[in-house]
PDB file of N, CA and C in Angstrom:
ATOM      1  N   MET A   1     113.407  -0.133 -17.628  1.00  0.00           N
ATOM      2  CA  MET A   1     113.615  -1.158 -17.185  1.00  0.00           C
ATOM      3  C   MET A   1     112.293  -1.922 -15.051  1.00  0.00           C
ATOM      4  N   ILE A   2     111.090  -2.207 -16.432  1.00  0.00           N
ATOM      5  CA  ILE A   2     110.113  -3.094 -15.523  1.00  0.00           C
ATOM      6  C   ILE A   2     110.566  -3.422 -14.953  1.00  0.00           C
ATOM      7  N   PRO A   3     110.089  -3.864 -13.448  1.00  0.00           N
ATOM      8  CA  PRO A   3     110.950  -4.533 -12.232  1.00  0.00           C
ATOM      9  C   PRO A   3     110.372  -5.951 -11.544  1.00  0.00           C
ATOM     10  N   LYS A   4     110.928  -7.193 -11.634  1.00  0.00           N
ATOM     11  CA  LYS A   4     110.536  -8.212 -12.125  1.00  0.00           C
ATOM     12  C   LYS A   4     109.214  -8.616 -11.621  1.00  0.00           C
ATOM     13  N   LYS A   5     108.829  -7.753 -10.502  1.00  0.00           N
ATOM     14  CA  LYS A   5     107.777  -8.780  -9.619  1.00  0.00           C
ATOM     15  C   LYS A   5     105.796  -8.044 -10.209  1.00  0.00           C
ATOM     16  N   SER A   6     106.525  -6.325 -10.930  1.00  0.00           N
ATOM     17  CA  SER A   6     105.882  -6.123 -12.120  1.00  0.00           C
ATOM     18  C   SER A   6     105.367  -6.873 -13.328  1.00  0.00           C
ATOM     19  N   THR A   7     106.627  -7.345 -13.182  1.00  0.00           N
ATOM     20  CA  THR A   7     106.534  -7.985 -15.042  1.00  0.00           C
ATOM     21  C   THR A   7     106.051 -10.110 -14.233  1.00  0.00           C
ATOM     22  N   LEU A   8     106.024 -10.246 -13.579  1.00  0.00           N
ATOM     23  CA  LEU A   8     105.478 -11.505 -13.035  1.00  0.00           C
ATOM     24  C   LEU A   8     103.943 -12.001 -12.739  1.00  0.00           C
ATOM     25  N   LEU A   9     104.105  -9.957 -11.962  1.00  0.00           N
ATOM     26  CA  LEU A   9     102.781 -10.538 -11.681  1.00  0.00           C
ATOM     27  C   LEU A   9     101.269  -9.958 -13.017  1.00  0.00           C
ATOM     28  N   ALA A  10     101.721  -9.248 -13.945  1.00  0.00           N
ATOM     29  CA  ALA A  10     100.813  -9.042 -15.621  1.00  0.00           C
ATOM     30  C   ALA A  10     101.231  -9.900 -16.033  1.00  0.00           C
ATOM     31  N   LEU A  11     102.485 -11.503 -15.840  1.00  0.00           N
ATOM     32  CA  LEU A  11     101.982 -12.651 -16.736  1.00  0.00           C
ATOM     33  C   LEU A  11     101.599 -13.622 -16.264  1.00  0.00           C
ATOM     34  N   CYS A  12     101.166 -13.834 -14.864  1.00  0.00           N
ATOM     35  CA  CYS A  12      99.668 -13.852 -14.120  1.00  0.00           C
ATOM     36  C   CYS A  12      98.905 -13.665 -14.576  1.00  0.00           C
ATOM     37  N   ALA A  13      97.831 -12.526 -14.305  1.00  0.00           N
ATOM     38  CA  ALA A  13      97.321 -12.060 -15.086  1.00  0.00           C
ATOM     39  C   ALA A  13      96.906 -12.698 -16.277  1.00  0.00           C
ATOM     40  N   PHE A  14      97.369 -12.652 -17.094  1.00  0.00           N
ATOM     41  CA  PHE A  14      97.182 -12.929 -17.953  1.00  0.00           C
ATOM     42  C   PHE A  14      97.006 -14.200 -18.863  1.00  0.00           C
ATOM     43  N   ALA A  15      98.301 -14.254 -18.005  1.00  0.00           N
ATOM     44  CA  ALA A  15      98.210 -15.918 -18.073  1.00  0.00           C
ATOM     45  C   ALA A  15      96.134 -16.480 -17.527  1.00  0.00           C
ATOM     46  N   PHE A  16      96.204 -15.480 -15.855  1.00  0.00           N
ATOM     47  CA  PHE A  16      94.626 -16.171 -15.246  1.00  0.00           C
ATOM     48  C   PHE A  16      92.994 -15.890 -16.422  1.00  0.00           C
ATOM     49  N   GLY A  17      94.015 -14.851 -16.620  1.00  0.00           N
ATOM     50  CA  GLY A  17      92.312 -14.349 -18.086  1.00  0.00           C
ATOM     51  C   GLY A  17      92.546 -15.346 -19.159  1.00  0.00           C
ATOM     52  N   ILE A  18      93.523 -15.963 -19.743  1.00  0.00           N
ATOM     53  CA  ILE A  18      94.239 -16.881 -20.906  1.00  0.00           C
ATOM     54  C   ILE A  18      92.919 -17.888 -20.257  1.00  0.00           C
ATOM     55  N   GLY A  19      93.243 -18.591 -19.518  1.00  0.00           N
ATOM     56  CA  GLY A  19      92.594 -19.598 -18.179  1.00  0.00           C
ATOM     57  C   GLY A  19      90.870 -19.517 -18.005  1.00  0.00           C
ATOM     58  N   MET A  20      90.345 -18.747 -17.478  1.00  0.00           N
ATOM     59  CA  MET A  20      89.120 -17.863 -17.656  1.00  0.00           C
ATOM     60  C   MET A  20      88.261 -17.702 -19.326  1.00  0.00           C
ATOM     61  N   ALA A  21      89.162 -17.386 -20.202  1.00  0.00           N
ATOM     62  CA  ALA A  21      87.759 -16.937 -21.164  1.00  0.00           C
ATOM     63  C   ALA A  21      87.790 -19.330 -21.614  1.00  0.00           C
ATOM     64  N   SER A  22      89.177 -19.506 -21.842  1.00  0.00           N
ATOM     65  CA  SER A  22      89.230 -20.832 -22.548  1.00  0.00           C
ATOM     66  C   SER A  22      88.047 -21.944 -21.833  1.00  0.00           C
ATOM     67  N   THR A  23      88.127 -21.326 -20.152  1.00  0.00           N
ATOM     68  CA  THR A  23      86.756 -22.680 -19.642  1.00  0.00           C
ATOM     69  C   THR A  23      85.153 -22.082 -20.025  1.00  0.00           C
ATOM     70  N   ALA A  24      85.356 -20.800 -19.809  1.00  0.00           N
ATOM     71  CA  ALA A  24      83.462 -20.061 -20.836  1.00  0.00           C
ATOM     72  C   ALA A  24      83.265 -20.396 -21.604  1.00  0.00           C
ATOM     73  N   ILE A  25      84.637 -20.808 -23.107  1.00  0.00           N
ATOM     74  CA  ILE A  25      84.404 -21.185 -24.166  1.00  0.00           C
ATOM     75  C   ILE A  25      83.898 -23.035 -24.605  1.00  0.00           C
ATOM     76  N   ALA A  26      85.154 -23.346 -23.055  1.00  0.00           N
ATOM     77  CA  ALA A  26      84.940 -25.070 -22.927  1.00  0.00           C
ATOM     78  C   ALA A  26      83.436 -25.416 -22.135  1.00  0.00           C
ATOM     79  N   ALA A  27      82.454 -24.876 -21.580  1.00  0.00           N
ATOM     80  CA  ALA A  27      81.903 -25.484 -20.686  1.00  0.00           C
ATOM     81  C   ALA A  27      80.699 -25.513 -21.472  1.00  0.00           C
ATOM     82  N   CYS A  28      80.919 -25.165 -22.646  1.00  0.00           N
ATOM     83  CA  CYS A  28      79.230 -24.931 -23.049  1.00  0.00           C
ATOM     84  C   CYS A  28      79.260 -25.571 -24.322  1.00  0.00           C
ATOM     85  N   ASN A  29      78.746 -27.244 -24.562  1.00  0.00           N
ATOM     86  CA  ASN A  29      79.190 -28.094 -26.145  1.00  0.00           C
ATOM     87  C   ASN A  29      78.433 -27.667 -26.389  1.00  0.00           C
ATOM     88  N   ASN A  30      78.774 -26.810 -28.282  1.00  0.00           N
ATOM     89  CA  ASN A  30      77.356 -26.332 -29.369  1.00  0.00           C
ATOM     90  C   ASN A  30      76.345 -27.082 -29.330  1.00  0.00           C
ATOM     91  N   THR A  31      77.360 -27.808 -29.576  1.00  0.00           N
ATOM     92  CA  THR A  31      76.090 -29.115 -30.523  1.00  0.00           C
ATOM     93  C   THR A  31      75.089 -29.864 -29.694  1.00  0.00           C
ATOM     94  N   CYS A  32      75.936 -29.936 -28.783  1.00  0.00           N
ATOM     95  CA  CYS A  32      74.320 -30.194 -27.546  1.00  0.00           C
ATOM     96  C   CYS A  32      73.246 -28.871 -27.701  1.00  0.00           C
ATOM     97  N   ARG A  33      73.726 -27.515 -27.203  1.00  0.00           N
ATOM     98  CA  ARG A  33      73.324 -26.848 -27.404  1.00  0.00           C
ATOM     99  C   ARG A  33      72.409 -27.229 -28.943  1.00  0.00           C
ATOM    100  N   LEU A  34      73.021 -27.111 -29.927  1.00  0.00           N
ATOM    101  CA  LEU A  34      72.128 -26.899 -31.384  1.00  0.00           C
ATOM    102  C   LEU A  34      71.070 -27.243 -31.166  1.00  0.00           C
ATOM    103  N   GLY A  35      71.347 -28.786 -30.440  1.00  0.00           N
ATOM    104  CA  GLY A  35      70.135 -29.865 -30.205  1.00  0.00           C
ATOM    105  C   GLY A  35      69.144 -29.430 -29.663  1.00  0.00           C
ATOM    106  N   CYS A  36      69.486 -28.614 -28.521  1.00  0.00           N
ATOM    107  CA  CYS A  36      68.709 -28.161 -27.122  1.00  0.00           C
ATOM    108  C   CYS A  36      67.374 -27.574 -28.809  1.00  0.00           C
ATOM    109  N   GLU A  37      67.385 -26.424 -28.367  1.00  0.00           N
ATOM    110  CA  GLU A  37      67.510 -25.660 -30.041  1.00  0.00           C
ATOM    111  C   GLU A  37      66.160 -26.430 -30.910  1.00  0.00           C
ATOM    112  N   ARG A  38      67.019 -27.093 -31.533  1.00  0.00           N
ATOM    113  CA  ARG A  38      66.107 -27.612 -33.265  1.00  0.00           C
ATOM    114  C   ARG A  38      65.294 -28.539 -32.294  1.00  0.00           C
ATOM    115  N   ALA A  39      64.794 -29.695 -30.543  1.00  0.00           N
ATOM    116  CA  ALA A  39      63.718 -29.825 -30.244  1.00  0.00           C
ATOM    117  C   ALA A  39      63.223 -28.933 -29.619  1.00  0.00           C
ATOM    118  N   TYR A  40      63.306 -27.657 -29.243  1.00  0.00           N
ATOM    119  CA  TYR A  40      62.872 -26.743 -28.974  1.00  0.00           C
ATOM    120  C   TYR A  40      61.659 -26.200 -30.014  1.00  0.00           C
ATOM    121  N   SER A  41      62.079 -26.097 -31.871  1.00  0.00           N
ATOM    122  CA  SER A  41      61.821 -25.821 -32.423  1.00  0.00           C
ATOM    123  C   SER A  41      60.565 -25.909 -32.416  1.00  0.00           C
ATOM    124  N   LEU A  42      60.724 -27.514 -32.531  1.00  0.00           N
ATOM    125  CA  LEU A  42      60.068 -28.949 -32.321  1.00  0.00           C
ATOM    126  C   LEU A  42      59.135 -28.929 -31.706  1.00  0.00           C
ATOM    127  N   CYS A  43      58.737 -28.452 -30.895  1.00  0.00           N
ATOM    128  CA  CYS A  43      57.904 -28.831 -29.547  1.00  0.00           C
ATOM    129  C   CYS A  43      56.586 -28.700 -29.988  1.00  0.00           C
ATOM    130  N   ASP A  44      55.750 -29.528 -29.448  1.00  0.00           N
ATOM    131  CA  ASP A  44      54.734 -29.126 -29.303  1.00  0.00           C
ATOM    132  C   ASP A  44      54.160 -28.753 -27.993  1.00  0.00           C
ATOM    133  N   PRO A  45      53.474 -27.320 -27.755  1.00  0.00           N
ATOM    134  CA  PRO A  45      53.309 -27.091 -26.700  1.00  0.00           C
ATOM    135  C   PRO A  45      52.003 -27.968 -25.962  1.00  0.00           C
ATOM    136  N   ALA A  46      51.034 -28.144 -26.775  1.00  0.00           N
ATOM    137  CA  ALA A  46      50.440 -28.642 -26.208  1.00  0.00           C
ATOM    138  C   ALA A  46      49.817 -30.462 -25.079  1.00  0.00           C
ATOM    139  N   THR A  47      51.298 -30.961 -25.949  1.00  0.00           N
ATOM    140  CA  THR A  47      50.603 -32.201 -24.713  1.00  0.00           C
ATOM    141  C   THR A  47      52.720 -31.921 -24.563  1.00  0.00           C
ATOM    142  N   THR A  48      53.867 -31.040 -24.560  1.00  0.00           N
ATOM    143  CA  THR A  48      54.807 -31.293 -23.018  1.00  0.00           C
ATOM    144  C   THR A  48      54.642 -29.808 -22.398  1.00  0.00           C
ATOM    145  N   ASN A  49      56.027 -29.697 -21.828  1.00  0.00           N
ATOM    146  CA  ASN A  49      56.276 -28.194 -21.699  1.00  0.00           C
ATOM    147  C   ASN A  49      57.353 -28.458 -21.867  1.00  0.00           C
ATOM    148  N   CYS A  50      57.365 -27.821 -23.206  1.00  0.00           N
ATOM    149  CA  CYS A  50      58.481 -27.287 -23.891  1.00  0.00           C
ATOM    150  C   CYS A  50      59.979 -26.096 -23.804  1.00  0.00           C
ATOM    151  N   GLU A  51      59.554 -24.974 -22.332  1.00  0.00           N
ATOM    152  CA  GLU A  51      60.433 -24.397 -22.175  1.00  0.00           C
ATOM    153  C   GLU A  51      60.871 -25.101 -20.766  1.00  0.00           C
ATOM    154  N   LEU A  52      60.178 -25.623 -20.056  1.00  0.00           N
ATOM    155  CA  LEU A  52      61.106 -26.885 -19.114  1.00  0.00           C
ATOM    156  C   LEU A  52      61.656 -27.703 -19.545  1.00  0.00           C
ATOM    157  N   ASN A  53      61.584 -28.625 -20.880  1.00  0.00           N
ATOM    158  CA  ASN A  53      61.885 -29.047 -21.283  1.00  0.00           C
ATOM    159  C   ASN A  53      63.874 -29.033 -21.945  1.00  0.00           C
ATOM    160  N   TYR A  54      63.341 -27.677 -23.081  1.00  0.00           N
ATOM    161  CA  TYR A  54      64.760 -26.310 -23.385  1.00  0.00           C
ATOM    162  C   TYR A  54      66.088 -26.294 -21.837  1.00  0.00           C
ATOM    163  N   ASN A  55      64.603 -25.584 -21.103  1.00  0.00           N
ATOM    164  CA  ASN A  55      65.857 -25.559 -19.791  1.00  0.00           C
ATOM    165  C   ASN A  55      66.855 -27.023 -19.319  1.00  0.00           C
ATOM    166  N   ARG A  56      66.790 -27.805 -18.988  1.00  0.00           N
ATOM    167  CA  ARG A  56      67.064 -29.236 -18.422  1.00  0.00           C
ATOM    168  C   ARG A  56      68.738 -29.462 -19.791  1.00  0.00           C
ATOM    169  N   CYS A  57      67.539 -29.317 -21.031  1.00  0.00           N
ATOM    170  CA  CYS A  57      68.408 -29.878 -22.192  1.00  0.00           C
ATOM    171  C   CYS A  57      69.395 -29.059 -22.265  1.00  0.00           C
ATOM    172  N   TYR A  58      69.524 -27.218 -22.226  1.00  0.00           N
ATOM    173  CA  TYR A  58      70.461 -26.615 -22.242  1.00  0.00           C
ATOM    174  C   TYR A  58      71.666 -26.880 -21.768  1.00  0.00           C
ATOM    175  N   ARG A  59      71.099 -27.271 -19.764  1.00  0.00           N
ATOM    176  CA  ARG A  59      71.926 -26.656 -18.753  1.00  0.00           C
ATOM    177  C   ARG A  59      72.576 -27.921 -19.266  1.00  0.00           C
ATOM    178  N   SER A  60      71.503 -29.343 -19.174  1.00  0.00           N
ATOM    179  CA  SER A  60      73.085 -30.557 -19.114  1.00  0.00           C
ATOM    180  C   SER A  60      73.977 -30.341 -20.316  1.00  0.00           C
ATOM    181  N   CYS A  61      73.936 -29.250 -20.727  1.00  0.00           N
ATOM    182  CA  CYS A  61      74.844 -29.572 -22.343  1.00  0.00           C
ATOM    183  C   CYS A  61      76.190 -28.527 -21.259  1.00  0.00           C
ATOM    184  N   GLY A  62      75.379 -27.840 -20.550  1.00  0.00           N
ATOM    185  CA  GLY A  62      77.018 -27.588 -20.094  1.00  0.00           C
ATOM    186  C   GLY A  62      76.797 -25.636 -20.231  1.00  0.00           C
ATOM    187  N   CYS A  63      75.403 -25.359 -20.579  1.00  0.00           N
ATOM    188  CA  CYS A  63      75.289 -24.081 -20.834  1.00  0.00           C
ATOM    189  C   CYS A  63      74.593 -22.580 -19.759  1.00  0.00           C
ATOM    190  N   VAL A  64      75.082 -22.140 -19.647  1.00  0.00           N
ATOM    191  CA  VAL A  64      74.293 -21.193 -19.062  1.00  0.00           C
ATOM    192  C   VAL A  64      73.302 -20.421 -19.926  1.00  0.00           C
ATOM    193  N   ILE A  65      71.785 -20.613 -18.526  1.00  0.00           N
ATOM    194  CA  ILE A  65      70.832 -20.242 -19.728  1.00  0.00           C
ATOM    195  C   ILE A  65      70.463 -18.914 -19.467  1.00  0.00           C
ATOM    196  N   PRO A  66      69.764 -18.646 -20.841  1.00  0.00           N
ATOM    197  CA  PRO A  66      70.162 -17.538 -21.241  1.00  0.00           C
ATOM    198  C   PRO A  66      69.176 -16.552 -21.030  1.00  0.00           C
TER     199      PRO A  66
END
């Protein structure tokens, strides 16, 4: 039989892992990110700084810059 302390530590580690995974998934708004990618694909580099606009948009969605 597994001691209670080991069981409790394993349960805490599992809960921590689930919490971290759900935070990482929820942090980036996918609809917002797709909008940024659409705007970037339609951007005209002759008139605007597309890369800078894309980075600002991506950050505002809560995503990590690729």
